[in-house]
Amino acid sequence: MGKAIFAAALSLVLAGLGHVFLGLWRGLWFAMPSILLLYLYWTGQWEYADVVFLSLGIFAAFDAFSFAQRGYGVV
């Protein structure tokens, strides 16, 4: 249970980190858009980048938690 919660917490920091912590390289599919969204938010190029970043992080956290608990995720 502790590993699953830690993976979910990492995914809330940056989507995909929880997957990489669990040894799943598909987490990079979450991390790359997250990095792009952070860039767009910090430079002010897209007003809603923070909302999409948070939504992606919550989805990635749920997926990482599900994978750690059940052996398969949502995706």
PDB file of N, CA and C in Angstrom:
ATOM      1  N   MET A   1       0.821  -1.196   0.000  1.00  0.00           N
ATOM      2  CA  MET A   1       0.000   0.000   0.000  1.00  0.00           C
ATOM      3  C   MET A   1       0.864   1.258   0.000  1.00  0.00           C
ATOM      4  N   GLY A   2       1.971   1.244   0.734  1.00  0.00           N
ATOM      5  CA  GLY A   2       2.834   2.405   0.813  1.00  0.00           C
ATOM      6  C   GLY A   2       3.473   2.747  -0.519  1.00  0.00           C
ATOM      7  N   LYS A   3       3.835   1.702  -1.273  1.00  0.00           N
ATOM      8  CA  LYS A   3       4.436   1.918  -2.590  1.00  0.00           C
ATOM      9  C   LYS A   3       3.426   2.557  -3.540  1.00  0.00           C
ATOM     10  N   ALA A   4       2.177   2.150  -3.445  1.00  0.00           N
ATOM     11  CA  ALA A   4       1.134   2.694  -4.316  1.00  0.00           C
ATOM     12  C   ALA A   4       0.864   4.162  -3.993  1.00  0.00           C
ATOM     13  N   ILE A   5       0.836   4.501  -2.728  1.00  0.00           N
ATOM     14  CA  ILE A   5       0.588   5.888  -2.330  1.00  0.00           C
ATOM     15  C   ILE A   5       1.759   6.774  -2.733  1.00  0.00           C
ATOM     16  N   PHE A   6       2.984   6.253  -2.576  1.00  0.00           N
ATOM     17  CA  PHE A   6       4.151   7.030  -2.971  1.00  0.00           C
ATOM     18  C   PHE A   6       4.167   7.260  -4.480  1.00  0.00           C
ATOM     19  N   ALA A   7       3.805   6.248  -5.260  1.00  0.00           N
ATOM     20  CA  ALA A   7       3.746   6.398  -6.719  1.00  0.00           C
ATOM     21  C   ALA A   7       2.689   7.430  -7.106  1.00  0.00           C
ATOM     22  N   ALA A   8       1.554   7.410  -6.426  1.00  0.00           N
ATOM     23  CA  ALA A   8       0.505   8.396  -6.711  1.00  0.00           C
ATOM     24  C   ALA A   8       0.969   9.804  -6.351  1.00  0.00           C
ATOM     25  N   ALA A   9       1.675   9.942  -5.234  1.00  0.00           N
ATOM     26  CA  ALA A   9       2.172  11.253  -4.824  1.00  0.00           C
ATOM     27  C   ALA A   9       3.206  11.783  -5.822  1.00  0.00           C
ATOM     28  N   LEU A  10       4.065  10.915  -6.310  1.00  0.00           N
ATOM     29  CA  LEU A  10       5.038  11.335  -7.317  1.00  0.00           C
ATOM     30  C   LEU A  10       4.342  11.794  -8.593  1.00  0.00           C
ATOM     31  N   SER A  11       3.266  11.116  -8.960  1.00  0.00           N
ATOM     32  CA  SER A  11       2.542  11.502 -10.166  1.00  0.00           C
ATOM     33  C   SER A  11       1.815  12.828  -9.996  1.00  0.00           C
ATOM     34  N   LEU A  12       1.491  13.189  -8.766  1.00  0.00           N
ATOM     35  CA  LEU A  12       0.879  14.503  -8.546  1.00  0.00           C
ATOM     36  C   LEU A  12       1.911  15.620  -8.668  1.00  0.00           C
ATOM     37  N   VAL A  13       3.170  15.311  -8.363  1.00  0.00           N
ATOM     38  CA  VAL A  13       4.230  16.307  -8.525  1.00  0.00           C
ATOM     39  C   VAL A  13       4.487  16.550 -10.007  1.00  0.00           C
ATOM     40  N   LEU A  14       4.724  15.474 -10.738  1.00  0.00           N
ATOM     41  CA  LEU A  14       4.882  15.536 -12.191  1.00  0.00           C
ATOM     42  C   LEU A  14       4.312  14.247 -12.748  1.00  0.00           C
ATOM     43  N   ALA A  15       3.314  14.378 -13.564  1.00  0.00           N
ATOM     44  CA  ALA A  15       2.645  13.200 -14.118  1.00  0.00           C
ATOM     45  C   ALA A  15       3.660  12.292 -14.803  1.00  0.00           C
ATOM     46  N   GLY A  16       3.632  11.025 -14.464  1.00  0.00           N
ATOM     47  CA  GLY A  16       4.543  10.061 -15.055  1.00  0.00           C
ATOM     48  C   GLY A  16       5.655   9.621 -14.128  1.00  0.00           C
ATOM     49  N   LEU A  17       5.978  10.415 -13.114  1.00  0.00           N
ATOM     50  CA  LEU A  17       7.049  10.026 -12.201  1.00  0.00           C
ATOM     51  C   LEU A  17       6.688   8.792 -11.387  1.00  0.00           C
ATOM     52  N   GLY A  18       5.443   8.653 -11.040  1.00  0.00           N
ATOM     53  CA  GLY A  18       5.012   7.460 -10.304  1.00  0.00           C
ATOM     54  C   GLY A  18       5.165   6.200 -11.132  1.00  0.00           C
ATOM     55  N   HIS A  19       4.892   6.308 -12.419  1.00  0.00           N
ATOM     56  CA  HIS A  19       5.057   5.162 -13.313  1.00  0.00           C
ATOM     57  C   HIS A  19       6.525   4.785 -13.452  1.00  0.00           C
ATOM     58  N   VAL A  20       7.380   5.784 -13.584  1.00  0.00           N
ATOM     59  CA  VAL A  20       8.814   5.513 -13.696  1.00  0.00           C
ATOM     60  C   VAL A  20       9.320   4.894 -12.392  1.00  0.00           C
ATOM     61  N   PHE A  21       8.819   5.363 -11.249  1.00  0.00           N
ATOM     62  CA  PHE A  21       9.176   4.773  -9.962  1.00  0.00           C
ATOM     63  C   PHE A  21       8.789   3.295  -9.903  1.00  0.00           C
ATOM     64  N   LEU A  22       7.665   2.947 -10.511  1.00  0.00           N
ATOM     65  CA  LEU A  22       7.213   1.556 -10.525  1.00  0.00           C
ATOM     66  C   LEU A  22       7.895   0.719 -11.604  1.00  0.00           C
ATOM     67  N   GLY A  23       8.742   1.348 -12.409  1.00  0.00           N
ATOM     68  CA  GLY A  23       9.455   0.624 -13.451  1.00  0.00           C
ATOM     69  C   GLY A  23       8.723   0.573 -14.777  1.00  0.00           C
ATOM     70  N   LEU A  24       7.754   1.430 -14.945  1.00  0.00           N
ATOM     71  CA  LEU A  24       6.981   1.484 -16.192  1.00  0.00           C
ATOM     72  C   LEU A  24       7.443   2.669 -17.017  1.00  0.00           C
ATOM     73  N   TRP A  25       7.995   2.385 -18.163  1.00  0.00           N
ATOM     74  CA  TRP A  25       8.477   3.467 -19.001  1.00  0.00           C
ATOM     75  C   TRP A  25       7.356   4.156 -19.753  1.00  0.00           C
ATOM     76  N   ARG A  26       6.137   3.636 -19.657  1.00  0.00           N
ATOM     77  CA  ARG A  26       5.015   4.340 -20.290  1.00  0.00           C
ATOM     78  C   ARG A  26       4.698   5.626 -19.537  1.00  0.00           C
ATOM     79  N   GLY A  27       5.303   5.787 -18.365  1.00  0.00           N
ATOM     80  CA  GLY A  27       5.138   7.034 -17.640  1.00  0.00           C
ATOM     81  C   GLY A  27       5.694   8.227 -18.397  1.00  0.00           C
ATOM     82  N   LEU A  28       6.603   7.974 -19.313  1.00  0.00           N
ATOM     83  CA  LEU A  28       7.133   9.065 -20.126  1.00  0.00           C
ATOM     84  C   LEU A  28       6.058   9.661 -21.024  1.00  0.00           C
ATOM     85  N   TRP A  29       5.048   8.862 -21.357  1.00  0.00           N
ATOM     86  CA  TRP A  29       3.934   9.384 -22.156  1.00  0.00           C
ATOM     87  C   TRP A  29       3.113  10.386 -21.347  1.00  0.00           C
ATOM     88  N   PHE A  30       3.176  10.298 -20.023  1.00  0.00           N
ATOM     89  CA  PHE A  30       2.541  11.308 -19.172  1.00  0.00           C
ATOM     90  C   PHE A  30       3.485  12.473 -18.909  1.00  0.00           C
ATOM     91  N   ALA A  31       4.779  12.185 -18.776  1.00  0.00           N
ATOM     92  CA  ALA A  31       5.738  13.213 -18.382  1.00  0.00           C
ATOM     93  C   ALA A  31       5.993  14.236 -19.484  1.00  0.00           C
ATOM     94  N   MET A  32       6.076  13.799 -20.713  1.00  0.00           N
ATOM     95  CA  MET A  32       6.375  14.739 -21.801  1.00  0.00           C
ATOM     96  C   MET A  32       5.296  15.822 -21.962  1.00  0.00           C
ATOM     97  N   PRO A  33       4.014  15.474 -22.007  1.00  0.00           N
ATOM     98  CA  PRO A  33       3.008  16.553 -22.073  1.00  0.00           C
ATOM     99  C   PRO A  33       2.999  17.422 -20.819  1.00  0.00           C
ATOM    100  N   SER A  34       3.326  16.838 -19.664  1.00  0.00           N
ATOM    101  CA  SER A  34       3.361  17.628 -18.432  1.00  0.00           C
ATOM    102  C   SER A  34       4.444  18.683 -18.486  1.00  0.00           C
ATOM    103  N   ILE A  35       5.604  18.312 -18.993  1.00  0.00           N
ATOM    104  CA  ILE A  35       6.696  19.277 -19.115  1.00  0.00           C
ATOM    105  C   ILE A  35       6.317  20.381 -20.094  1.00  0.00           C
ATOM    106  N   LEU A  36       5.685  20.016 -21.190  1.00  0.00           N
ATOM    107  CA  LEU A  36       5.230  21.014 -22.160  1.00  0.00           C
ATOM    108  C   LEU A  36       4.184  21.948 -21.544  1.00  0.00           C
ATOM    109  N   LEU A  37       3.265  21.385 -20.769  1.00  0.00           N
ATOM    110  CA  LEU A  37       2.242  22.207 -20.123  1.00  0.00           C
ATOM    111  C   LEU A  37       2.852  23.164 -19.107  1.00  0.00           C
ATOM    112  N   LEU A  38       3.848  22.698 -18.349  1.00  0.00           N
ATOM    113  CA  LEU A  38       4.527  23.589 -17.408  1.00  0.00           C
ATOM    114  C   LEU A  38       5.220  24.728 -18.136  1.00  0.00           C
ATOM    115  N   TYR A  39       5.844  24.415 -19.251  1.00  0.00           N
ATOM    116  CA  TYR A  39       6.500  25.453 -20.051  1.00  0.00           C
ATOM    117  C   TYR A  39       5.480  26.487 -20.542  1.00  0.00           C
ATOM    118  N   LEU A  40       4.355  25.995 -21.059  1.00  0.00           N
ATOM    119  CA  LEU A  40       3.331  26.905 -21.563  1.00  0.00           C
ATOM    120  C   LEU A  40       2.748  27.770 -20.453  1.00  0.00           C
ATOM    121  N   TYR A  41       2.630  27.197 -19.265  1.00  0.00           N
ATOM    122  CA  TYR A  41       2.096  27.963 -18.136  1.00  0.00           C
ATOM    123  C   TYR A  41       3.085  29.020 -17.665  1.00  0.00           C
ATOM    124  N   TRP A  42       4.351  28.632 -17.514  1.00  0.00           N
ATOM    125  CA  TRP A  42       5.356  29.567 -17.005  1.00  0.00           C
ATOM    126  C   TRP A  42       5.620  30.716 -17.969  1.00  0.00           C
ATOM    127  N   THR A  43       5.523  30.453 -19.253  1.00  0.00           N
ATOM    128  CA  THR A  43       5.757  31.519 -20.225  1.00  0.00           C
ATOM    129  C   THR A  43       4.493  32.324 -20.513  1.00  0.00           C
ATOM    130  N   GLY A  44       3.357  31.884 -20.006  1.00  0.00           N
ATOM    131  CA  GLY A  44       2.109  32.614 -20.187  1.00  0.00           C
ATOM    132  C   GLY A  44       1.509  32.488 -21.570  1.00  0.00           C
ATOM    133  N   GLN A  45       1.853  31.435 -22.284  1.00  0.00           N
ATOM    134  CA  GLN A  45       1.356  31.278 -23.647  1.00  0.00           C
ATOM    135  C   GLN A  45      -0.027  30.644 -23.705  1.00  0.00           C
ATOM    136  N   TRP A  46      -0.410  29.935 -22.652  1.00  0.00           N
ATOM    137  CA  TRP A  46      -1.730  29.315 -22.644  1.00  0.00           C
ATOM    138  C   TRP A  46      -2.318  29.467 -21.246  1.00  0.00           C
ATOM    139  N   GLU A  47      -3.463  30.098 -21.171  1.00  0.00           N
ATOM    140  CA  GLU A  47      -4.065  30.456 -19.894  1.00  0.00           C
ATOM    141  C   GLU A  47      -4.514  29.237 -19.078  1.00  0.00           C
ATOM    142  N   TYR A  48      -4.948  28.192 -19.748  1.00  0.00           N
ATOM    143  CA  TYR A  48      -5.512  27.037 -19.048  1.00  0.00           C
ATOM    144  C   TYR A  48      -4.537  25.870 -18.916  1.00  0.00           C
ATOM    145  N   ALA A  49      -3.264  26.111 -19.114  1.00  0.00           N
ATOM    146  CA  ALA A  49      -2.274  25.035 -19.030  1.00  0.00           C
ATOM    147  C   ALA A  49      -2.195  24.452 -17.622  1.00  0.00           C
ATOM    148  N   ASP A  50      -2.415  25.287 -16.595  1.00  0.00           N
ATOM    149  CA  ASP A  50      -2.350  24.775 -15.234  1.00  0.00           C
ATOM    150  C   ASP A  50      -3.506  23.823 -14.926  1.00  0.00           C
ATOM    151  N   VAL A  51      -4.666  24.091 -15.481  1.00  0.00           N
ATOM    152  CA  VAL A  51      -5.826  23.212 -15.266  1.00  0.00           C
ATOM    153  C   VAL A  51      -5.603  21.865 -15.945  1.00  0.00           C
ATOM    154  N   VAL A  52      -5.091  21.886 -17.158  1.00  0.00           N
ATOM    155  CA  VAL A  52      -4.826  20.643 -17.884  1.00  0.00           C
ATOM    156  C   VAL A  52      -3.693  19.874 -17.209  1.00  0.00           C
ATOM    157  N   PHE A  53      -2.668  20.590 -16.705  1.00  0.00           N
ATOM    158  CA  PHE A  53      -1.565  19.957 -15.992  1.00  0.00           C
ATOM    159  C   PHE A  53      -2.068  19.233 -14.752  1.00  0.00           C
ATOM    160  N   LEU A  54      -2.926  19.890 -13.981  1.00  0.00           N
ATOM    161  CA  LEU A  54      -3.478  19.276 -12.779  1.00  0.00           C
ATOM    162  C   LEU A  54      -4.356  18.078 -13.121  1.00  0.00           C
ATOM    163  N   SER A  55      -5.166  18.191 -14.158  1.00  0.00           N
ATOM    164  CA  SER A  55      -6.023  17.082 -14.572  1.00  0.00           C
ATOM    165  C   SER A  55      -5.199  15.879 -15.023  1.00  0.00           C
ATOM    166  N   LEU A  56      -4.150  16.128 -15.774  1.00  0.00           N
ATOM    167  CA  LEU A  56      -3.266  15.053 -16.214  1.00  0.00           C
ATOM    168  C   LEU A  56      -2.563  14.414 -15.028  1.00  0.00           C
ATOM    169  N   GLY A  57      -2.167  15.208 -14.056  1.00  0.00           N
ATOM    170  CA  GLY A  57      -1.523  14.682 -12.864  1.00  0.00           C
ATOM    171  C   GLY A  57      -2.448  13.807 -12.038  1.00  0.00           C
ATOM    172  N   ILE A  58      -3.688  14.216 -11.898  1.00  0.00           N
ATOM    173  CA  ILE A  58      -4.654  13.412 -11.135  1.00  0.00           C
ATOM    174  C   ILE A  58      -4.921  12.095 -11.845  1.00  0.00           C
ATOM    175  N   PHE A  59      -5.066  12.136 -13.162  1.00  0.00           N
ATOM    176  CA  PHE A  59      -5.290  10.905 -13.910  1.00  0.00           C
ATOM    177  C   PHE A  59      -4.084   9.978 -13.814  1.00  0.00           C
ATOM    178  N   ALA A  60      -2.881  10.544 -13.935  1.00  0.00           N
ATOM    179  CA  ALA A  60      -1.663   9.733 -13.842  1.00  0.00           C
ATOM    180  C   ALA A  60      -1.495   9.155 -12.442  1.00  0.00           C
ATOM    181  N   ALA A  61      -1.866   9.917 -11.417  1.00  0.00           N
ATOM    182  CA  ALA A  61      -1.778   9.415 -10.044  1.00  0.00           C
ATOM    183  C   ALA A  61      -2.728   8.241  -9.837  1.00  0.00           C
ATOM    184  N   PHE A  62      -3.942   8.364 -10.353  1.00  0.00           N
ATOM    185  CA  PHE A  62      -4.902   7.269 -10.241  1.00  0.00           C
ATOM    186  C   PHE A  62      -4.409   6.029 -10.994  1.00  0.00           C
ATOM    187  N   ASP A  63      -3.818   6.237 -12.164  1.00  0.00           N
ATOM    188  CA  ASP A  63      -3.312   5.125 -12.958  1.00  0.00           C
ATOM    189  C   ASP A  63      -2.129   4.445 -12.266  1.00  0.00           C
ATOM    190  N   ALA A  64      -1.212   5.240 -11.719  1.00  0.00           N
ATOM    191  CA  ALA A  64      -0.053   4.668 -11.021  1.00  0.00           C
ATOM    192  C   ALA A  64      -0.492   3.915  -9.771  1.00  0.00           C
ATOM    193  N   PHE A  65      -1.441   4.470  -9.027  1.00  0.00           N
ATOM    194  CA  PHE A  65      -1.953   3.791  -7.841  1.00  0.00           C
ATOM    195  C   PHE A  65      -2.628   2.479  -8.222  1.00  0.00           C
ATOM    196  N   SER A  66      -3.435   2.505  -9.284  1.00  0.00           N
ATOM    197  CA  SER A  66      -4.115   1.296  -9.733  1.00  0.00           C
ATOM    198  C   SER A  66      -3.118   0.232 -10.171  1.00  0.00           C
ATOM    199  N   PHE A  67      -2.074   0.640 -10.874  1.00  0.00           N
ATOM    200  CA  PHE A  67      -1.075  -0.333 -11.327  1.00  0.00           C
ATOM    201  C   PHE A  67      -0.332  -0.951 -10.154  1.00  0.00           C
ATOM    202  N   ALA A  68       0.004  -0.131  -9.170  1.00  0.00           N
ATOM    203  CA  ALA A  68       0.732  -0.662  -8.001  1.00  0.00           C
ATOM    204  C   ALA A  68      -0.145  -1.608  -7.187  1.00  0.00           C
ATOM    205  N   GLN A  69      -1.437  -1.351  -7.127  1.00  0.00           N
ATOM    206  CA  GLN A  69      -2.338  -2.176  -6.337  1.00  0.00           C
ATOM    207  C   GLN A  69      -2.784  -3.447  -7.080  1.00  0.00           C
ATOM    208  N   ARG A  70      -3.185  -3.287  -8.350  1.00  0.00           N
ATOM    209  CA  ARG A  70      -3.814  -4.397  -9.070  1.00  0.00           C
ATOM    210  C   ARG A  70      -2.920  -5.073 -10.091  1.00  0.00           C
ATOM    211  N   GLY A  71      -1.858  -4.417 -10.499  1.00  0.00           N
ATOM    212  CA  GLY A  71      -0.996  -4.990 -11.520  1.00  0.00           C
ATOM    213  C   GLY A  71      -1.322  -4.493 -12.912  1.00  0.00           C
ATOM    214  N   TYR A  72      -2.357  -3.716 -13.057  1.00  0.00           N
ATOM    215  CA  TYR A  72      -2.698  -3.073 -14.326  1.00  0.00           C
ATOM    216  C   TYR A  72      -3.359  -1.743 -14.002  1.00  0.00           C
ATOM    217  N   GLY A  73      -3.178  -0.801 -14.881  1.00  0.00           N
ATOM    218  CA  GLY A  73      -3.707   0.532 -14.626  1.00  0.00           C
ATOM    219  C   GLY A  73      -4.979   0.799 -15.390  1.00  0.00           C
ATOM    220  N   VAL A  74      -5.306   2.059 -15.478  1.00  0.00           N
ATOM    221  CA  VAL A  74      -6.504   2.479 -16.186  1.00  0.00           C
ATOM    222  C   VAL A  74      -6.262   2.476 -17.683  1.00  0.00           C
ATOM    223  N   VAL A  75      -5.060   2.868 -18.067  1.00  0.00           N
ATOM    224  CA  VAL A  75      -4.725   2.975 -19.486  1.00  0.00           C
ATOM    225  C   VAL A  75      -4.287   1.629 -20.022  1.00  0.00           C
TER     226      VAL A  75
END
